[in-house]
Amino acid sequence: MMGPAQAIANHFGRSLSGSTVYQQPFRHWVLTETLPADVLASIVRIPAEVPSTNALEGSQRSEFEGRFFSHLAIAPGI
């Protein structure tokens, strides 16, 4: 029987194998469905606070006010 870590690793490996590789402007990969849906749903449910903007001053402050930064692309329906 495969453990959860191995199942996630296998899922990620399949995503990497099916990824698109670009050479410009630098070598990088675009992956889709990198995590199993249940793992992604669990991550999305982790409570997160909006970062403080106290250190920002000037016109940039208004641009960052209330933003939440995440690199997760959420699949529809999750």
PDB file of N, CA and C in Angstrom:
ATOM      1  N   MET A   1       0.841  -1.193   0.000  1.00  0.00           N
ATOM      2  CA  MET A   1       0.000   0.000   0.000  1.00  0.00           C
ATOM      3  C   MET A   1       0.882   1.252   0.000  1.00  0.00           C
ATOM      4  N   MET A   2       0.512   2.230  -0.787  1.00  0.00           N
ATOM      5  CA  MET A   2       1.279   3.470  -0.911  1.00  0.00           C
ATOM      6  C   MET A   2       0.842   4.451   0.169  1.00  0.00           C
ATOM      7  N   GLY A   3       1.819   5.067   0.842  1.00  0.00           N
ATOM      8  CA  GLY A   3       1.523   6.078   1.852  1.00  0.00           C
ATOM      9  C   GLY A   3       1.139   7.400   1.215  1.00  0.00           C
ATOM     10  N   PRO A   4       0.596   8.335   2.027  1.00  0.00           N
ATOM     11  CA  PRO A   4       0.155   9.618   1.474  1.00  0.00           C
ATOM     12  C   PRO A   4       1.293  10.428   0.859  1.00  0.00           C
ATOM     13  N   ALA A   5       2.472  10.400   1.463  1.00  0.00           N
ATOM     14  CA  ALA A   5       3.593  11.179   0.910  1.00  0.00           C
ATOM     15  C   ALA A   5       3.988  10.650  -0.465  1.00  0.00           C
ATOM     16  N   GLN A   6       4.005   9.342  -0.619  1.00  0.00           N
ATOM     17  CA  GLN A   6       4.357   8.746  -1.910  1.00  0.00           C
ATOM     18  C   GLN A   6       3.292   9.046  -2.956  1.00  0.00           C
ATOM     19  N   ALA A   7       2.024   9.010  -2.541  1.00  0.00           N
ATOM     20  CA  ALA A   7       0.933   9.323  -3.474  1.00  0.00           C
ATOM     21  C   ALA A   7       1.052  10.764  -3.977  1.00  0.00           C
ATOM     22  N   ILE A   8       1.380  11.690  -3.069  1.00  0.00           N
ATOM     23  CA  ILE A   8       1.553  13.095  -3.463  1.00  0.00           C
ATOM     24  C   ILE A   8       2.755  13.230  -4.382  1.00  0.00           C
ATOM     25  N   ALA A   9       3.854  12.550  -4.048  1.00  0.00           N
ATOM     26  CA  ALA A   9       5.061  12.599  -4.885  1.00  0.00           C
ATOM     27  C   ALA A   9       4.770  12.052  -6.286  1.00  0.00           C
ATOM     28  N   ASN A  10       4.039  10.956  -6.370  1.00  0.00           N
ATOM     29  CA  ASN A  10       3.685  10.389  -7.675  1.00  0.00           C
ATOM     30  C   ASN A  10       2.805  11.343  -8.477  1.00  0.00           C
ATOM     31  N   HIS A  11       1.848  11.961  -7.806  1.00  0.00           N
ATOM     32  CA  HIS A  11       0.960  12.920  -8.464  1.00  0.00           C
ATOM     33  C   HIS A  11       1.779  14.090  -9.018  1.00  0.00           C
ATOM     34  N   PHE A  12       2.687  14.621  -8.193  1.00  0.00           N
ATOM     35  CA  PHE A  12       3.536  15.727  -8.633  1.00  0.00           C
ATOM     36  C   PHE A  12       4.417  15.291  -9.806  1.00  0.00           C
ATOM     37  N   GLY A  13       4.963  14.081  -9.736  1.00  0.00           N
ATOM     38  CA  GLY A  13       5.802  13.568 -10.825  1.00  0.00           C
ATOM     39  C   GLY A  13       5.053  13.507 -12.141  1.00  0.00           C
ATOM     40  N   ARG A  14       3.781  13.087 -12.081  1.00  0.00           N
ATOM     41  CA  ARG A  14       2.974  13.056 -13.308  1.00  0.00           C
ATOM     42  C   ARG A  14       2.747  14.472 -13.836  1.00  0.00           C
ATOM     43  N   SER A  15       2.535  15.411 -12.933  1.00  0.00           N
ATOM     44  CA  SER A  15       2.351  16.798 -13.349  1.00  0.00           C
ATOM     45  C   SER A  15       3.624  17.336 -14.009  1.00  0.00           C
ATOM     46  N   LEU A  16       4.749  17.027 -13.420  1.00  0.00           N
ATOM     47  CA  LEU A  16       6.031  17.487 -13.977  1.00  0.00           C
ATOM     48  C   LEU A  16       6.284  16.850 -15.340  1.00  0.00           C
ATOM     49  N   SER A  17       5.989  15.569 -15.456  1.00  0.00           N
ATOM     50  CA  SER A  17       6.188  14.875 -16.736  1.00  0.00           C
ATOM     51  C   SER A  17       5.325  15.461 -17.848  1.00  0.00           C
ATOM     52  N   GLY A  18       4.145  15.935 -17.495  1.00  0.00           N
ATOM     53  CA  GLY A  18       3.244  16.499 -18.493  1.00  0.00           C
ATOM     54  C   GLY A  18       3.346  18.005 -18.635  1.00  0.00           C
ATOM     55  N   SER A  19       4.339  18.601 -17.992  1.00  0.00           N
ATOM     56  CA  SER A  19       4.442  20.063 -17.999  1.00  0.00           C
ATOM     57  C   SER A  19       4.970  20.597 -19.325  1.00  0.00           C
ATOM     58  N   THR A  20       4.764  21.868 -19.524  1.00  0.00           N
ATOM     59  CA  THR A  20       5.299  22.572 -20.676  1.00  0.00           C
ATOM     60  C   THR A  20       6.579  23.278 -20.234  1.00  0.00           C
ATOM     61  N   VAL A  21       7.643  23.130 -21.025  1.00  0.00           N
ATOM     62  CA  VAL A  21       8.925  23.761 -20.704  1.00  0.00           C
ATOM     63  C   VAL A  21       9.144  24.928 -21.662  1.00  0.00           C
ATOM     64  N   TYR A  22       9.463  26.079 -21.096  1.00  0.00           N
ATOM     65  CA  TYR A  22       9.777  27.276 -21.884  1.00  0.00           C
ATOM     66  C   TYR A  22      11.242  27.639 -21.657  1.00  0.00           C
ATOM     67  N   GLN A  23      11.880  28.129 -22.680  1.00  0.00           N
ATOM     68  CA  GLN A  23      13.289  28.516 -22.583  1.00  0.00           C
ATOM     69  C   GLN A  23      13.474  30.013 -22.381  1.00  0.00           C
ATOM     70  N   GLN A  24      12.454  30.796 -22.691  1.00  0.00           N
ATOM     71  CA  GLN A  24      12.572  32.252 -22.606  1.00  0.00           C
ATOM     72  C   GLN A  24      11.543  32.802 -21.636  1.00  0.00           C
ATOM     73  N   PRO A  25      11.806  33.808 -20.897  1.00  0.00           N
ATOM     74  CA  PRO A  25      13.065  34.550 -20.822  1.00  0.00           C
ATOM     75  C   PRO A  25      14.140  33.803 -20.023  1.00  0.00           C
ATOM     76  N   PHE A  26      13.774  32.664 -19.442  1.00  0.00           N
ATOM     77  CA  PHE A  26      14.695  31.770 -18.750  1.00  0.00           C
ATOM     78  C   PHE A  26      14.024  30.400 -18.763  1.00  0.00           C
ATOM     79  N   ARG A  27      14.761  29.354 -18.534  1.00  0.00           N
ATOM     80  CA  ARG A  27      14.164  28.017 -18.550  1.00  0.00           C
ATOM     81  C   ARG A  27      13.212  27.874 -17.362  1.00  0.00           C
ATOM     82  N   HIS A  28      11.967  27.538 -17.661  1.00  0.00           N
ATOM     83  CA  HIS A  28      10.984  27.329 -16.609  1.00  0.00           C
ATOM     84  C   HIS A  28       9.885  26.382 -17.097  1.00  0.00           C
ATOM     85  N   TRP A  29       9.192  25.821 -16.156  1.00  0.00           N
ATOM     86  CA  TRP A  29       8.150  24.854 -16.422  1.00  0.00           C
ATOM     87  C   TRP A  29       6.811  25.420 -15.973  1.00  0.00           C
ATOM     88  N   VAL A  30       5.767  25.105 -16.709  1.00  0.00           N
ATOM     89  CA  VAL A  30       4.410  25.462 -16.299  1.00  0.00           C
ATOM     90  C   VAL A  30       3.698  24.140 -16.023  1.00  0.00           C
ATOM     91  N   LEU A  31       3.359  23.961 -14.761  1.00  0.00           N
ATOM     92  CA  LEU A  31       2.722  22.723 -14.330  1.00  0.00           C
ATOM     93  C   LEU A  31       1.246  22.958 -14.045  1.00  0.00           C
ATOM     94  N   THR A  32       0.454  21.930 -14.223  1.00  0.00           N
ATOM     95  CA  THR A  32      -0.961  21.985 -13.852  1.00  0.00           C
ATOM     96  C   THR A  32      -1.260  20.796 -12.956  1.00  0.00           C
ATOM     97  N   GLU A  33      -2.258  20.962 -12.123  1.00  0.00           N
ATOM     98  CA  GLU A  33      -2.697  19.898 -11.224  1.00  0.00           C
ATOM     99  C   GLU A  33      -1.518  19.271 -10.483  1.00  0.00           C
ATOM    100  N   THR A  34      -0.722  20.121  -9.842  1.00  0.00           N
ATOM    101  CA  THR A  34       0.480  19.649  -9.166  1.00  0.00           C
ATOM    102  C   THR A  34       0.199  18.876  -7.893  1.00  0.00           C
ATOM    103  N   LEU A  35      -0.935  19.136  -7.270  1.00  0.00           N
ATOM    104  CA  LEU A  35      -1.301  18.436  -6.033  1.00  0.00           C
ATOM    105  C   LEU A  35      -2.648  17.753  -6.216  1.00  0.00           C
ATOM    106  N   PRO A  36      -2.854  16.637  -5.519  1.00  0.00           N
ATOM    107  CA  PRO A  36      -4.175  16.024  -5.552  1.00  0.00           C
ATOM    108  C   PRO A  36      -5.231  16.998  -5.021  1.00  0.00           C
ATOM    109  N   ALA A  37      -6.441  16.898  -5.517  1.00  0.00           N
ATOM    110  CA  ALA A  37      -7.504  17.838  -5.149  1.00  0.00           C
ATOM    111  C   ALA A  37      -7.745  17.888  -3.648  1.00  0.00           C
ATOM    112  N   ASP A  38      -7.686  16.744  -2.962  1.00  0.00           N
ATOM    113  CA  ASP A  38      -7.942  16.748  -1.515  1.00  0.00           C
ATOM    114  C   ASP A  38      -6.838  17.466  -0.751  1.00  0.00           C
ATOM    115  N   VAL A  39      -5.606  17.360  -1.228  1.00  0.00           N
ATOM    116  CA  VAL A  39      -4.486  18.066  -0.579  1.00  0.00           C
ATOM    117  C   VAL A  39      -4.634  19.567  -0.800  1.00  0.00           C
ATOM    118  N   LEU A  40      -4.941  19.965  -2.021  1.00  0.00           N
ATOM    119  CA  LEU A  40      -5.132  21.381  -2.323  1.00  0.00           C
ATOM    120  C   LEU A  40      -6.272  21.964  -1.497  1.00  0.00           C
ATOM    121  N   ALA A  41      -7.368  21.233  -1.387  1.00  0.00           N
ATOM    122  CA  ALA A  41      -8.503  21.706  -0.593  1.00  0.00           C
ATOM    123  C   ALA A  41      -8.102  21.889   0.868  1.00  0.00           C
ATOM    124  N   SER A  42      -7.281  20.996   1.392  1.00  0.00           N
ATOM    125  CA  SER A  42      -6.810  21.124   2.780  1.00  0.00           C
ATOM    126  C   SER A  42      -5.936  22.356   2.956  1.00  0.00           C
ATOM    127  N   ILE A  43      -5.081  22.629   1.989  1.00  0.00           N
ATOM    128  CA  ILE A  43      -4.204  23.810   2.059  1.00  0.00           C
ATOM    129  C   ILE A  43      -5.030  25.085   2.017  1.00  0.00           C
ATOM    130  N   VAL A  44      -6.018  25.118   1.144  1.00  0.00           N
ATOM    131  CA  VAL A  44      -6.861  26.310   0.996  1.00  0.00           C
ATOM    132  C   VAL A  44      -7.602  26.617   2.297  1.00  0.00           C
ATOM    133  N   ARG A  45      -7.941  25.585   3.061  1.00  0.00           N
ATOM    134  CA  ARG A  45      -8.674  25.787   4.315  1.00  0.00           C
ATOM    135  C   ARG A  45      -7.782  26.277   5.458  1.00  0.00           C
ATOM    136  N   ILE A  46      -6.472  26.324   5.281  1.00  0.00           N
ATOM    137  CA  ILE A  46      -5.584  26.817   6.340  1.00  0.00           C
ATOM    138  C   ILE A  46      -5.869  28.306   6.538  1.00  0.00           C
ATOM    139  N   PRO A  47      -6.177  28.711   7.782  1.00  0.00           N
ATOM    140  CA  PRO A  47      -6.442  30.135   8.013  1.00  0.00           C
ATOM    141  C   PRO A  47      -5.177  30.967   7.767  1.00  0.00           C
ATOM    142  N   ALA A  48      -5.346  32.086   7.103  1.00  0.00           N
ATOM    143  CA  ALA A  48      -4.223  32.980   6.832  1.00  0.00           C
ATOM    144  C   ALA A  48      -4.666  34.418   7.046  1.00  0.00           C
ATOM    145  N   GLU A  49      -3.808  35.190   7.688  1.00  0.00           N
ATOM    146  CA  GLU A  49      -4.110  36.602   7.923  1.00  0.00           C
ATOM    147  C   GLU A  49      -3.556  37.437   6.776  1.00  0.00           C
ATOM    148  N   VAL A  50      -4.219  38.537   6.517  1.00  0.00           N
ATOM    149  CA  VAL A  50      -3.733  39.476   5.518  1.00  0.00           C
ATOM    150  C   VAL A  50      -2.429  40.083   6.051  1.00  0.00           C
ATOM    151  N   PRO A  51      -1.369  40.130   5.226  1.00  0.00           N
ATOM    152  CA  PRO A  51      -0.100  40.693   5.695  1.00  0.00           C
ATOM    153  C   PRO A  51      -0.249  42.157   6.106  1.00  0.00           C
ATOM    154  N   SER A  52       0.519  42.554   7.089  1.00  0.00           N
ATOM    155  CA  SER A  52       0.513  43.943   7.543  1.00  0.00           C
ATOM    156  C   SER A  52       1.147  44.833   6.485  1.00  0.00           C
ATOM    157  N   THR A  53       0.581  46.017   6.325  1.00  0.00           N
ATOM    158  CA  THR A  53       1.153  46.991   5.386  1.00  0.00           C
ATOM    159  C   THR A  53       1.756  48.174   6.135  1.00  0.00           C
ATOM    160  N   ASN A  54       1.984  48.022   7.433  1.00  0.00           N
ATOM    161  CA  ASN A  54       2.509  49.118   8.233  1.00  0.00           C
ATOM    162  C   ASN A  54       3.863  49.619   7.744  1.00  0.00           C
ATOM    163  N   ALA A  55       4.664  48.757   7.156  1.00  0.00           N
ATOM    164  CA  ALA A  55       6.011  49.149   6.725  1.00  0.00           C
ATOM    165  C   ALA A  55       5.986  49.922   5.411  1.00  0.00           C
ATOM    166  N   LEU A  56       4.856  49.910   4.710  1.00  0.00           N
ATOM    167  CA  LEU A  56       4.784  50.594   3.421  1.00  0.00           C
ATOM    168  C   LEU A  56       4.392  52.050   3.611  1.00  0.00           C
ATOM    169  N   GLU A  57       5.009  52.905   2.834  1.00  0.00           N
ATOM    170  CA  GLU A  57       4.694  54.327   2.890  1.00  0.00           C
ATOM    171  C   GLU A  57       4.492  54.849   1.479  1.00  0.00           C
ATOM    172  N   GLY A  58       3.877  55.994   1.368  1.00  0.00           N
ATOM    173  CA  GLY A  58       3.721  56.638   0.066  1.00  0.00           C
ATOM    174  C   GLY A  58       2.622  56.001  -0.760  1.00  0.00           C
ATOM    175  N   SER A  59       2.717  56.178  -2.077  1.00  0.00           N
ATOM    176  CA  SER A  59       1.640  55.743  -2.955  1.00  0.00           C
ATOM    177  C   SER A  59       1.535  54.227  -3.062  1.00  0.00           C
ATOM    178  N   GLN A  60       2.629  53.509  -2.836  1.00  0.00           N
ATOM    179  CA  GLN A  60       2.554  52.056  -2.907  1.00  0.00           C
ATOM    180  C   GLN A  60       1.641  51.497  -1.827  1.00  0.00           C
ATOM    181  N   ARG A  61       1.585  52.154  -0.686  1.00  0.00           N
ATOM    182  CA  ARG A  61       0.772  51.652   0.415  1.00  0.00           C
ATOM    183  C   ARG A  61      -0.668  51.430  -0.029  1.00  0.00           C
ATOM    184  N   SER A  62      -1.218  52.372  -0.772  1.00  0.00           N
ATOM    185  CA  SER A  62      -2.608  52.235  -1.200  1.00  0.00           C
ATOM    186  C   SER A  62      -2.777  51.054  -2.151  1.00  0.00           C
ATOM    187  N   GLU A  63      -1.740  50.721  -2.917  1.00  0.00           N
ATOM    188  CA  GLU A  63      -1.824  49.590  -3.831  1.00  0.00           C
ATOM    189  C   GLU A  63      -1.837  48.263  -3.083  1.00  0.00           C
ATOM    190  N   PHE A  64      -1.181  48.179  -1.952  1.00  0.00           N
ATOM    191  CA  PHE A  64      -1.053  46.925  -1.223  1.00  0.00           C
ATOM    192  C   PHE A  64      -2.084  46.763  -0.111  1.00  0.00           C
ATOM    193  N   GLU A  65      -2.804  47.791   0.202  1.00  0.00           N
ATOM    194  CA  GLU A  65      -3.763  47.747   1.306  1.00  0.00           C
ATOM    195  C   GLU A  65      -4.779  46.628   1.092  1.00  0.00           C
ATOM    196  N   GLY A  66      -4.853  45.708   2.030  1.00  0.00           N
ATOM    197  CA  GLY A  66      -5.853  44.661   2.000  1.00  0.00           C
ATOM    198  C   GLY A  66      -5.588  43.503   1.064  1.00  0.00           C
ATOM    199  N   ARG A  67      -4.464  43.479   0.374  1.00  0.00           N
ATOM    200  CA  ARG A  67      -4.186  42.367  -0.526  1.00  0.00           C
ATOM    201  C   ARG A  67      -3.713  41.152   0.256  1.00  0.00           C
ATOM    202  N   PHE A  68      -4.021  40.010  -0.273  1.00  0.00           N
ATOM    203  CA  PHE A  68      -3.538  38.752   0.273  1.00  0.00           C
ATOM    204  C   PHE A  68      -2.713  38.101  -0.827  1.00  0.00           C
ATOM    205  N   PHE A  69      -1.477  37.736  -0.548  1.00  0.00           N
ATOM    206  CA  PHE A  69      -0.581  37.191  -1.556  1.00  0.00           C
ATOM    207  C   PHE A  69      -0.530  35.674  -1.438  1.00  0.00           C
ATOM    208  N   SER A  70      -0.773  35.007  -2.534  1.00  0.00           N
ATOM    209  CA  SER A  70      -0.732  33.547  -2.577  1.00  0.00           C
ATOM    210  C   SER A  70      -0.313  33.133  -3.977  1.00  0.00           C
ATOM    211  N   HIS A  71       0.419  32.057  -4.051  1.00  0.00           N
ATOM    212  CA  HIS A  71       0.837  31.539  -5.352  1.00  0.00           C
ATOM    213  C   HIS A  71       0.009  30.334  -5.754  1.00  0.00           C
ATOM    214  N   LEU A  72      -1.096  30.093  -5.056  1.00  0.00           N
ATOM    215  CA  LEU A  72      -1.952  28.961  -5.379  1.00  0.00           C
ATOM    216  C   LEU A  72      -2.925  29.342  -6.488  1.00  0.00           C
ATOM    217  N   ALA A  73      -3.016  28.522  -7.476  1.00  0.00           N
ATOM    218  CA  ALA A  73      -4.060  28.673  -8.481  1.00  0.00           C
ATOM    219  C   ALA A  73      -5.154  27.692  -8.079  1.00  0.00           C
ATOM    220  N   ILE A  74      -6.292  28.193  -7.726  1.00  0.00           N
ATOM    221  CA  ILE A  74      -7.363  27.357  -7.202  1.00  0.00           C
ATOM    222  C   ILE A  74      -8.221  26.834  -8.347  1.00  0.00           C
ATOM    223  N   ALA A  75      -8.374  25.529  -8.381  1.00  0.00           N
ATOM    224  CA  ALA A  75      -9.202  24.900  -9.413  1.00  0.00           C
ATOM    225  C   ALA A  75     -10.671  25.165  -9.123  1.00  0.00           C
ATOM    226  N   PRO A  76     -11.467  25.414 -10.135  1.00  0.00           N
ATOM    227  CA  PRO A  76     -12.900  25.635  -9.927  1.00  0.00           C
ATOM    228  C   PRO A  76     -13.517  24.451  -9.187  1.00  0.00           C
ATOM    229  N   GLY A  77     -14.408  24.757  -8.274  1.00  0.00           N
ATOM    230  CA  GLY A  77     -15.104  23.711  -7.554  1.00  0.00           C
ATOM    231  C   GLY A  77     -14.434  23.260  -6.268  1.00  0.00           C
ATOM    232  N   ILE A  78     -13.272  23.814  -5.953  1.00  0.00           N
ATOM    233  CA  ILE A  78     -12.584  23.421  -4.712  1.00  0.00           C
ATOM    234  C   ILE A  78     -12.777  24.498  -3.680  1.00  0.00           C
TER     235      ILE A  78
END
